[in-house]
Amino acid sequence: MKIKLKLNFLLLFSILFINSVYAQTSPTNEEILQDRYWTYRDRLRKYFISIGALEGQGFPFSDISSNSMSNYRVDNNGDVIPWANEVTTNGLLNVGGDVTAYMGDYMAILASEYFLLKAYHKEDTKEFKAICNEIYFAVNAIERLDKFANQFFDYTQNVDLNPDGFFVRDDAP
């Protein structure tokens, strides 16, 4: 009786285990996960990153603000000025305080995508060219933050514009 119970338990366990292994490797599941990834990646590109070489571009933003006060900024004189650049969303991109922490995650995403596209010999695709472009602007943004910190914090006015690893958290206008 005990042997029969053990065999039934082993059979039930093996059937459940085999089904779960099959579910993780099914081609349709991989396609669904890949489609989901590229959808989220497209949202990241459209709504949370401004790709370019200008101030405030090249690094990911923390969130999209929808309240009316975020549509304005305060300049050095204390005057309230509306933002010049609107985003394609209802709100504006909010820089936040963790831009450089998000930058590390963003660079890891770009490096992973670059490696995978290169490993599967997709160097001629538009995705690969877009990744190379984003990597260029992301590295450019880090270097720009470094140079900005050197200019901002150099009290002796000996401005050394060579990157030294010390950078500010953002340079958004």
N, C-alpha and C. Protein backbone atom coordinates (compact mmCIF):
# COMPACT_ATOMS: atom_id res chain seq x y z
N MET A 1 0.82 -1.20 0.00
CA MET A 1 0.00 0.00 0.00
C MET A 1 0.86 1.26 0.00
N LYS A 2 1.93 1.28 0.83
CA LYS A 2 2.81 2.44 0.91
C LYS A 2 3.58 2.61 -0.40
N ILE A 3 3.97 1.52 -1.01
CA ILE A 3 4.71 1.60 -2.27
C ILE A 3 3.81 2.17 -3.36
N LYS A 4 2.54 1.75 -3.37
CA LYS A 4 1.61 2.25 -4.37
C LYS A 4 1.38 3.76 -4.17
N LEU A 5 1.29 4.20 -2.94
CA LEU A 5 1.11 5.61 -2.64
C LEU A 5 2.33 6.42 -3.08
N LYS A 6 3.52 5.87 -2.83
CA LYS A 6 4.74 6.55 -3.24
C LYS A 6 4.82 6.64 -4.76
N LEU A 7 4.46 5.57 -5.45
CA LEU A 7 4.50 5.58 -6.91
C LEU A 7 3.49 6.58 -7.48
N ASN A 8 2.30 6.63 -6.89
CA ASN A 8 1.30 7.61 -7.34
C ASN A 8 1.78 9.04 -7.11
N PHE A 9 2.40 9.27 -5.96
CA PHE A 9 2.94 10.60 -5.67
C PHE A 9 4.05 10.96 -6.65
N LEU A 10 4.94 10.00 -6.92
CA LEU A 10 6.03 10.23 -7.86
C LEU A 10 5.49 10.49 -9.27
N LEU A 11 4.48 9.74 -9.68
CA LEU A 11 3.87 9.94 -10.99
C LEU A 11 3.21 11.32 -11.08
N LEU A 12 2.48 11.70 -10.06
CA LEU A 12 1.83 13.01 -10.04
C LEU A 12 2.87 14.14 -10.08
N PHE A 13 3.91 14.00 -9.28
CA PHE A 13 4.97 15.01 -9.26
C PHE A 13 5.67 15.11 -10.61
N SER A 14 5.96 14.00 -11.24
CA SER A 14 6.66 14.03 -12.53
C SER A 14 5.77 14.64 -13.63
N ILE A 15 4.47 14.36 -13.58
CA ILE A 15 3.57 14.95 -14.58
C ILE A 15 3.51 16.47 -14.40
N LEU A 16 3.41 16.93 -13.17
CA LEU A 16 3.38 18.37 -12.92
C LEU A 16 4.69 19.04 -13.31
N PHE A 17 5.81 18.37 -13.01
CA PHE A 17 7.11 18.93 -13.32
C PHE A 17 7.33 19.00 -14.83
N ILE A 18 6.96 17.99 -15.55
CA ILE A 18 7.15 17.97 -17.00
C ILE A 18 6.30 19.06 -17.65
N ASN A 19 5.09 19.26 -17.20
CA ASN A 19 4.25 20.31 -17.76
C ASN A 19 4.84 21.70 -17.51
N SER A 20 5.40 21.93 -16.34
CA SER A 20 5.96 23.25 -16.07
C SER A 20 7.22 23.48 -16.87
N VAL A 21 8.03 22.47 -17.09
CA VAL A 21 9.23 22.62 -17.91
C VAL A 21 8.82 22.90 -19.35
N TYR A 22 7.83 22.22 -19.84
CA TYR A 22 7.36 22.45 -21.20
C TYR A 22 6.81 23.86 -21.36
N ALA A 23 6.14 24.36 -20.34
CA ALA A 23 5.53 25.69 -20.43
C ALA A 23 6.61 26.77 -20.53
N GLN A 24 7.77 26.56 -19.92
CA GLN A 24 8.82 27.55 -19.95
C GLN A 24 9.58 27.57 -21.27
N THR A 25 9.55 26.49 -22.01
CA THR A 25 10.34 26.42 -23.24
C THR A 25 9.48 26.39 -24.50
N SER A 26 8.23 26.58 -24.37
CA SER A 26 7.37 26.52 -25.55
C SER A 26 7.67 27.69 -26.48
N PRO A 27 7.74 27.46 -27.78
CA PRO A 27 8.04 28.54 -28.72
C PRO A 27 7.01 29.66 -28.68
N THR A 28 5.75 29.34 -28.48
CA THR A 28 4.74 30.39 -28.44
C THR A 28 4.93 31.27 -27.21
N ASN A 29 5.33 30.66 -26.09
CA ASN A 29 5.57 31.45 -24.89
C ASN A 29 6.76 32.38 -25.09
N GLU A 30 7.82 31.90 -25.75
CA GLU A 30 8.98 32.74 -26.01
C GLU A 30 8.61 33.91 -26.92
N GLU A 31 7.78 33.65 -27.90
CA GLU A 31 7.35 34.72 -28.80
C GLU A 31 6.51 35.76 -28.05
N ILE A 32 5.65 35.29 -27.19
CA ILE A 32 4.82 36.21 -26.39
C ILE A 32 5.71 37.06 -25.49
N LEU A 33 6.68 36.44 -24.83
CA LEU A 33 7.58 37.19 -23.95
C LEU A 33 8.44 38.18 -24.74
N GLN A 34 8.88 37.77 -25.91
CA GLN A 34 9.69 38.68 -26.72
C GLN A 34 8.86 39.86 -27.22
N ASP A 35 7.63 39.59 -27.64
CA ASP A 35 6.74 40.69 -28.06
C ASP A 35 6.47 41.64 -26.90
N ARG A 36 6.26 41.08 -25.72
CA ARG A 36 6.01 41.91 -24.55
C ARG A 36 7.23 42.78 -24.23
N TYR A 37 8.42 42.19 -24.33
CA TYR A 37 9.64 42.95 -24.06
C TYR A 37 9.78 44.13 -25.02
N TRP A 38 9.59 43.88 -26.32
CA TRP A 38 9.77 44.95 -27.29
C TRP A 38 8.68 46.02 -27.15
N THR A 39 7.49 45.63 -26.69
CA THR A 39 6.45 46.62 -26.43
C THR A 39 6.86 47.54 -25.29
N TYR A 40 7.35 46.95 -24.19
CA TYR A 40 7.79 47.76 -23.06
C TYR A 40 9.02 48.59 -23.43
N ARG A 41 9.89 48.03 -24.23
CA ARG A 41 11.09 48.75 -24.65
C ARG A 41 10.71 49.95 -25.52
N ASP A 42 9.71 49.78 -26.37
CA ASP A 42 9.23 50.86 -27.20
C ASP A 42 8.62 51.97 -26.33
N ARG A 43 7.89 51.60 -25.29
CA ARG A 43 7.34 52.60 -24.37
C ARG A 43 8.45 53.37 -23.66
N LEU A 44 9.50 52.65 -23.26
CA LEU A 44 10.64 53.30 -22.62
C LEU A 44 11.25 54.33 -23.55
N ARG A 45 11.44 53.95 -24.80
CA ARG A 45 12.02 54.87 -25.79
C ARG A 45 11.13 56.08 -26.05
N LYS A 46 9.84 55.85 -26.16
CA LYS A 46 8.92 56.93 -26.52
C LYS A 46 8.65 57.89 -25.37
N TYR A 47 8.47 57.37 -24.17
CA TYR A 47 7.93 58.18 -23.08
C TYR A 47 8.90 58.52 -21.96
N PHE A 48 10.02 57.81 -21.83
CA PHE A 48 10.88 58.05 -20.69
C PHE A 48 12.31 58.41 -21.04
N ILE A 49 12.64 58.44 -22.32
CA ILE A 49 14.00 58.78 -22.74
C ILE A 49 13.91 59.77 -23.89
N SER A 50 14.64 60.83 -23.77
CA SER A 50 14.79 61.77 -24.87
C SER A 50 16.18 61.53 -25.45
N ILE A 51 16.25 60.91 -26.61
CA ILE A 51 17.52 60.52 -27.19
C ILE A 51 18.09 61.70 -27.98
N GLY A 52 19.31 62.09 -27.66
CA GLY A 52 19.95 63.19 -28.35
C GLY A 52 21.16 63.67 -27.59
N ALA A 53 21.81 64.71 -28.12
CA ALA A 53 23.05 65.21 -27.53
C ALA A 53 22.86 66.52 -26.76
N LEU A 54 21.65 67.02 -26.69
CA LEU A 54 21.41 68.28 -26.00
C LEU A 54 21.31 68.08 -24.48
N GLU A 55 21.30 69.19 -23.74
CA GLU A 55 21.15 69.10 -22.28
C GLU A 55 19.82 68.44 -21.95
N GLY A 56 19.86 67.53 -21.00
CA GLY A 56 18.64 66.83 -20.59
C GLY A 56 18.32 65.63 -21.45
N GLN A 57 19.10 65.34 -22.45
CA GLN A 57 18.84 64.20 -23.32
C GLN A 57 19.89 63.12 -23.09
N GLY A 58 19.52 61.89 -23.43
CA GLY A 58 20.47 60.79 -23.36
C GLY A 58 20.37 59.96 -22.10
N PHE A 59 19.58 60.37 -21.13
CA PHE A 59 19.41 59.56 -19.93
C PHE A 59 17.93 59.38 -19.61
N PRO A 60 17.59 58.30 -18.90
CA PRO A 60 16.17 58.03 -18.63
C PRO A 60 15.62 58.94 -17.54
N PHE A 61 14.36 59.30 -17.70
CA PHE A 61 13.67 60.11 -16.70
C PHE A 61 12.95 59.20 -15.72
N SER A 62 12.67 59.74 -14.53
CA SER A 62 12.09 58.90 -13.49
C SER A 62 10.60 58.64 -13.71
N ASP A 63 9.87 59.64 -14.18
CA ASP A 63 8.43 59.44 -14.39
C ASP A 63 7.89 60.54 -15.28
N ILE A 64 6.61 60.43 -15.58
CA ILE A 64 5.93 61.46 -16.33
C ILE A 64 4.98 62.16 -15.37
N SER A 65 5.16 63.46 -15.22
CA SER A 65 4.31 64.23 -14.32
C SER A 65 3.06 64.68 -15.04
N SER A 66 1.95 64.60 -14.36
CA SER A 66 0.71 65.06 -14.99
C SER A 66 0.09 66.25 -14.26
N ASN A 67 0.66 66.66 -13.13
CA ASN A 67 0.06 67.80 -12.43
C ASN A 67 0.47 69.11 -13.10
N SER A 68 -0.31 70.14 -12.91
CA SER A 68 -0.10 71.39 -13.64
C SER A 68 1.14 72.14 -13.17
N MET A 69 1.58 71.94 -11.93
CA MET A 69 2.75 72.67 -11.44
C MET A 69 4.02 72.20 -12.13
N SER A 70 4.06 70.96 -12.60
CA SER A 70 5.27 70.47 -13.25
C SER A 70 5.42 71.03 -14.66
N ASN A 71 4.41 71.75 -15.17
CA ASN A 71 4.52 72.34 -16.49
C ASN A 71 5.33 73.62 -16.46
N TYR A 72 5.84 73.99 -15.28
CA TYR A 72 6.59 75.22 -15.14
C TYR A 72 7.89 74.92 -14.42
N ARG A 73 8.87 75.77 -14.65
CA ARG A 73 10.14 75.66 -13.92
C ARG A 73 10.48 77.03 -13.36
N VAL A 74 11.38 77.04 -12.41
CA VAL A 74 11.81 78.30 -11.81
C VAL A 74 13.24 78.56 -12.27
N ASP A 75 13.48 79.75 -12.85
CA ASP A 75 14.83 80.05 -13.34
C ASP A 75 15.68 80.61 -12.19
N ASN A 76 16.90 81.04 -12.51
CA ASN A 76 17.83 81.52 -11.48
C ASN A 76 17.37 82.79 -10.78
N ASN A 77 16.50 83.56 -11.42
CA ASN A 77 15.98 84.78 -10.80
C ASN A 77 14.73 84.53 -9.96
N GLY A 78 14.25 83.31 -9.93
CA GLY A 78 13.05 82.99 -9.18
C GLY A 78 11.77 83.16 -9.97
N ASP A 79 11.89 83.46 -11.26
CA ASP A 79 10.71 83.62 -12.10
C ASP A 79 10.18 82.25 -12.55
N VAL A 80 8.86 82.12 -12.57
CA VAL A 80 8.24 80.88 -13.03
C VAL A 80 8.08 80.95 -14.54
N ILE A 81 8.66 79.96 -15.23
CA ILE A 81 8.67 79.94 -16.69
C ILE A 81 8.08 78.62 -17.17
N PRO A 82 7.21 78.64 -18.18
CA PRO A 82 6.70 77.37 -18.72
C PRO A 82 7.82 76.63 -19.44
N TRP A 83 7.76 75.30 -19.39
CA TRP A 83 8.74 74.49 -20.10
C TRP A 83 8.59 74.71 -21.59
N ALA A 84 9.71 74.75 -22.28
CA ALA A 84 9.69 74.98 -23.73
C ALA A 84 9.38 73.70 -24.49
N ASN A 85 9.88 72.58 -24.03
CA ASN A 85 9.73 71.34 -24.79
C ASN A 85 8.64 70.47 -24.20
N GLU A 86 7.58 70.30 -24.92
CA GLU A 86 6.51 69.40 -24.49
C GLU A 86 6.85 67.99 -24.93
N VAL A 87 6.29 67.02 -24.26
CA VAL A 87 6.51 65.62 -24.59
C VAL A 87 5.24 65.10 -25.25
N THR A 88 5.32 63.94 -25.89
CA THR A 88 4.17 63.41 -26.59
C THR A 88 3.11 62.86 -25.64
N THR A 89 3.34 62.91 -24.34
CA THR A 89 2.37 62.44 -23.37
C THR A 89 1.56 63.61 -22.84
N ASN A 90 0.61 63.34 -21.96
CA ASN A 90 -0.19 64.41 -21.38
C ASN A 90 0.62 65.26 -20.40
N GLY A 91 1.64 64.67 -19.79
CA GLY A 91 2.44 65.40 -18.82
C GLY A 91 3.81 65.70 -19.37
N LEU A 92 4.71 66.05 -18.48
CA LEU A 92 6.09 66.34 -18.84
C LEU A 92 7.00 65.34 -18.16
N LEU A 93 8.16 65.14 -18.75
CA LEU A 93 9.12 64.24 -18.14
C LEU A 93 9.67 64.87 -16.87
N ASN A 94 9.68 64.10 -15.81
CA ASN A 94 10.15 64.56 -14.52
C ASN A 94 11.54 63.98 -14.29
N VAL A 95 12.51 64.82 -14.08
CA VAL A 95 13.88 64.35 -13.96
C VAL A 95 14.06 63.53 -12.70
N GLY A 96 13.67 64.00 -11.57
CA GLY A 96 13.82 63.25 -10.33
C GLY A 96 15.26 63.22 -9.85
N GLY A 97 15.50 62.55 -8.74
CA GLY A 97 16.83 62.54 -8.15
C GLY A 97 17.67 61.33 -8.45
N ASP A 98 17.13 60.32 -9.09
CA ASP A 98 17.86 59.08 -9.30
C ASP A 98 18.21 58.84 -10.76
N VAL A 99 18.44 59.90 -11.49
CA VAL A 99 18.69 59.75 -12.92
C VAL A 99 19.94 58.92 -13.18
N THR A 100 21.01 59.17 -12.43
CA THR A 100 22.24 58.42 -12.67
C THR A 100 22.12 56.96 -12.23
N ALA A 101 21.27 56.68 -11.24
CA ALA A 101 21.02 55.28 -10.86
C ALA A 101 20.25 54.58 -11.97
N TYR A 102 19.27 55.27 -12.53
CA TYR A 102 18.53 54.71 -13.66
C TYR A 102 19.43 54.57 -14.88
N MET A 103 20.44 55.43 -14.97
CA MET A 103 21.35 55.38 -16.10
C MET A 103 22.11 54.06 -16.12
N GLY A 104 22.48 53.56 -14.96
CA GLY A 104 23.16 52.27 -14.90
C GLY A 104 22.27 51.14 -15.41
N ASP A 105 21.00 51.16 -15.00
CA ASP A 105 20.06 50.15 -15.49
C ASP A 105 19.85 50.29 -16.99
N TYR A 106 19.76 51.52 -17.46
CA TYR A 106 19.56 51.78 -18.88
C TYR A 106 20.76 51.28 -19.70
N MET A 107 21.97 51.52 -19.20
CA MET A 107 23.17 51.04 -19.89
C MET A 107 23.22 49.52 -19.90
N ALA A 108 22.76 48.87 -18.83
CA ALA A 108 22.72 47.41 -18.80
C ALA A 108 21.73 46.87 -19.84
N ILE A 109 20.60 47.54 -19.98
CA ILE A 109 19.62 47.14 -21.00
C ILE A 109 20.22 47.27 -22.40
N LEU A 110 20.87 48.41 -22.64
CA LEU A 110 21.47 48.63 -23.96
C LEU A 110 22.57 47.62 -24.25
N ALA A 111 23.40 47.33 -23.26
CA ALA A 111 24.48 46.36 -23.45
C ALA A 111 23.93 44.96 -23.72
N SER A 112 22.87 44.59 -23.01
CA SER A 112 22.25 43.27 -23.23
C SER A 112 21.65 43.17 -24.63
N GLU A 113 20.93 44.21 -25.03
CA GLU A 113 20.35 44.20 -26.37
C GLU A 113 21.43 44.16 -27.45
N TYR A 114 22.48 44.94 -27.26
CA TYR A 114 23.58 44.95 -28.22
C TYR A 114 24.19 43.56 -28.34
N PHE A 115 24.47 42.93 -27.20
CA PHE A 115 25.07 41.60 -27.21
C PHE A 115 24.16 40.59 -27.89
N LEU A 116 22.88 40.59 -27.55
CA LEU A 116 21.97 39.61 -28.14
C LEU A 116 21.79 39.81 -29.64
N LEU A 117 21.65 41.05 -30.07
CA LEU A 117 21.49 41.29 -31.50
C LEU A 117 22.76 40.92 -32.26
N LYS A 118 23.91 41.18 -31.67
CA LYS A 118 25.17 40.81 -32.32
C LYS A 118 25.37 39.29 -32.31
N ALA A 119 24.99 38.64 -31.21
CA ALA A 119 25.15 37.19 -31.12
C ALA A 119 24.27 36.45 -32.13
N TYR A 120 23.11 37.01 -32.44
CA TYR A 120 22.22 36.39 -33.42
C TYR A 120 22.40 36.98 -34.82
N HIS A 121 23.53 37.65 -35.04
CA HIS A 121 23.92 38.17 -36.36
C HIS A 121 22.86 39.06 -36.98
N LYS A 122 22.39 40.02 -36.19
CA LYS A 122 21.38 40.97 -36.68
C LYS A 122 21.97 42.37 -36.74
N GLU A 123 23.22 42.47 -37.21
CA GLU A 123 23.89 43.77 -37.29
C GLU A 123 23.31 44.66 -38.38
N ASP A 124 22.59 44.10 -39.33
CA ASP A 124 22.05 44.89 -40.44
C ASP A 124 20.62 45.36 -40.19
N THR A 125 20.09 45.13 -39.01
CA THR A 125 18.70 45.51 -38.74
C THR A 125 18.63 46.92 -38.20
N LYS A 126 17.44 47.50 -38.28
CA LYS A 126 17.25 48.85 -37.75
C LYS A 126 17.33 48.86 -36.22
N GLU A 127 16.98 47.75 -35.57
CA GLU A 127 17.09 47.68 -34.11
C GLU A 127 18.54 47.79 -33.66
N PHE A 128 19.44 47.12 -34.39
CA PHE A 128 20.86 47.16 -34.03
C PHE A 128 21.42 48.57 -34.21
N LYS A 129 21.05 49.22 -35.29
CA LYS A 129 21.52 50.59 -35.52
C LYS A 129 20.96 51.55 -34.47
N ALA A 130 19.70 51.32 -34.06
CA ALA A 130 19.11 52.16 -33.02
C ALA A 130 19.81 51.95 -31.68
N ILE A 131 20.18 50.71 -31.37
CA ILE A 131 20.88 50.43 -30.11
C ILE A 131 22.25 51.11 -30.12
N CYS A 132 22.97 51.00 -31.23
CA CYS A 132 24.27 51.67 -31.32
C CYS A 132 24.12 53.18 -31.15
N ASN A 133 23.09 53.74 -31.73
CA ASN A 133 22.82 55.17 -31.60
C ASN A 133 22.52 55.53 -30.14
N GLU A 134 21.70 54.73 -29.48
CA GLU A 134 21.35 55.01 -28.08
C GLU A 134 22.56 54.87 -27.16
N ILE A 135 23.41 53.87 -27.43
CA ILE A 135 24.62 53.70 -26.62
C ILE A 135 25.52 54.93 -26.77
N TYR A 136 25.65 55.41 -27.99
CA TYR A 136 26.48 56.61 -28.22
C TYR A 136 25.95 57.79 -27.41
N PHE A 137 24.65 58.04 -27.48
CA PHE A 137 24.10 59.20 -26.77
C PHE A 137 24.09 59.00 -25.26
N ALA A 138 23.96 57.76 -24.78
CA ALA A 138 24.00 57.51 -23.34
C ALA A 138 25.40 57.77 -22.79
N VAL A 139 26.42 57.28 -23.49
CA VAL A 139 27.80 57.53 -23.06
C VAL A 139 28.11 59.03 -23.17
N ASN A 140 27.61 59.66 -24.22
CA ASN A 140 27.78 61.10 -24.39
C ASN A 140 27.12 61.86 -23.23
N ALA A 141 25.97 61.40 -22.77
CA ALA A 141 25.29 62.07 -21.66
C ALA A 141 26.10 61.96 -20.37
N ILE A 142 26.69 60.80 -20.11
CA ILE A 142 27.51 60.64 -18.91
C ILE A 142 28.73 61.56 -18.98
N GLU A 143 29.36 61.62 -20.14
CA GLU A 143 30.52 62.49 -20.30
C GLU A 143 30.11 63.97 -20.17
N ARG A 144 28.93 64.30 -20.68
CA ARG A 144 28.44 65.68 -20.57
C ARG A 144 28.18 66.05 -19.10
N LEU A 145 27.62 65.12 -18.32
CA LEU A 145 27.39 65.38 -16.90
C LEU A 145 28.71 65.55 -16.16
N ASP A 146 29.71 64.78 -16.56
CA ASP A 146 31.04 64.89 -15.95
C ASP A 146 31.67 66.25 -16.26
N LYS A 147 31.62 66.66 -17.49
CA LYS A 147 32.19 67.95 -17.87
C LYS A 147 31.43 69.10 -17.21
N PHE A 148 30.13 68.96 -17.09
CA PHE A 148 29.33 69.99 -16.43
C PHE A 148 29.72 70.11 -14.96
N ALA A 149 29.95 68.99 -14.29
CA ALA A 149 30.38 69.02 -12.89
C ALA A 149 31.74 69.67 -12.75
N ASN A 150 32.65 69.39 -13.70
CA ASN A 150 33.98 70.02 -13.63
C ASN A 150 33.87 71.53 -13.78
N GLN A 151 33.00 71.99 -14.65
CA GLN A 151 32.81 73.43 -14.82
C GLN A 151 32.14 74.04 -13.60
N PHE A 152 31.14 73.36 -13.07
CA PHE A 152 30.32 73.92 -11.99
C PHE A 152 31.07 73.98 -10.66
N PHE A 153 31.87 72.96 -10.35
CA PHE A 153 32.49 72.87 -9.04
C PHE A 153 33.95 73.31 -9.01
N ASP A 154 34.49 73.78 -10.11
CA ASP A 154 35.87 74.24 -10.11
C ASP A 154 35.91 75.69 -9.67
N TYR A 155 36.33 75.93 -8.42
CA TYR A 155 36.35 77.28 -7.86
C TYR A 155 37.60 78.06 -8.25
N THR A 156 38.62 77.37 -8.75
CA THR A 156 39.86 78.05 -9.13
C THR A 156 39.81 78.52 -10.57
N GLN A 157 38.76 78.23 -11.27
CA GLN A 157 38.56 78.59 -12.67
C GLN A 157 39.56 77.90 -13.60
N ASN A 158 40.25 76.86 -13.11
CA ASN A 158 41.06 76.01 -13.99
C ASN A 158 40.16 74.89 -14.46
N VAL A 159 39.41 75.17 -15.47
CA VAL A 159 38.41 74.21 -15.91
C VAL A 159 39.09 73.13 -16.74
N ASP A 160 39.14 71.94 -16.18
CA ASP A 160 39.67 70.79 -16.90
C ASP A 160 38.47 70.01 -17.42
N LEU A 161 38.28 70.01 -18.71
CA LEU A 161 37.10 69.38 -19.28
C LEU A 161 37.29 67.89 -19.55
N ASN A 162 38.38 67.32 -19.08
CA ASN A 162 38.57 65.88 -19.24
C ASN A 162 37.73 65.16 -18.20
N PRO A 163 37.04 64.10 -18.61
CA PRO A 163 36.22 63.36 -17.64
C PRO A 163 37.08 62.75 -16.53
N ASP A 164 36.61 62.89 -15.29
CA ASP A 164 37.34 62.34 -14.16
C ASP A 164 36.47 61.42 -13.29
N GLY A 165 35.23 61.18 -13.69
CA GLY A 165 34.38 60.27 -12.94
C GLY A 165 33.45 60.96 -11.95
N PHE A 166 33.65 62.24 -11.73
CA PHE A 166 32.75 62.99 -10.85
C PHE A 166 31.74 63.72 -11.71
N PHE A 167 30.48 63.41 -11.52
CA PHE A 167 29.46 64.06 -12.35
C PHE A 167 28.25 64.41 -11.53
N VAL A 168 27.47 65.35 -12.04
CA VAL A 168 26.24 65.75 -11.37
C VAL A 168 25.11 64.80 -11.76
N ARG A 169 23.99 64.89 -11.08
CA ARG A 169 22.93 63.91 -11.32
C ARG A 169 22.15 64.16 -12.60
N ASP A 170 22.07 65.41 -13.08
CA ASP A 170 21.42 65.68 -14.36
C ASP A 170 21.79 67.07 -14.82
N ASP A 171 21.52 67.33 -16.08
CA ASP A 171 21.73 68.67 -16.62
C ASP A 171 20.49 69.14 -17.39
N ALA A 172 19.35 68.65 -16.95
CA ALA A 172 18.10 69.03 -17.61
C ALA A 172 17.87 70.51 -17.45
N PRO A 173 17.44 71.17 -18.51
CA PRO A 173 17.21 72.62 -18.42
C PRO A 173 16.01 72.94 -17.55
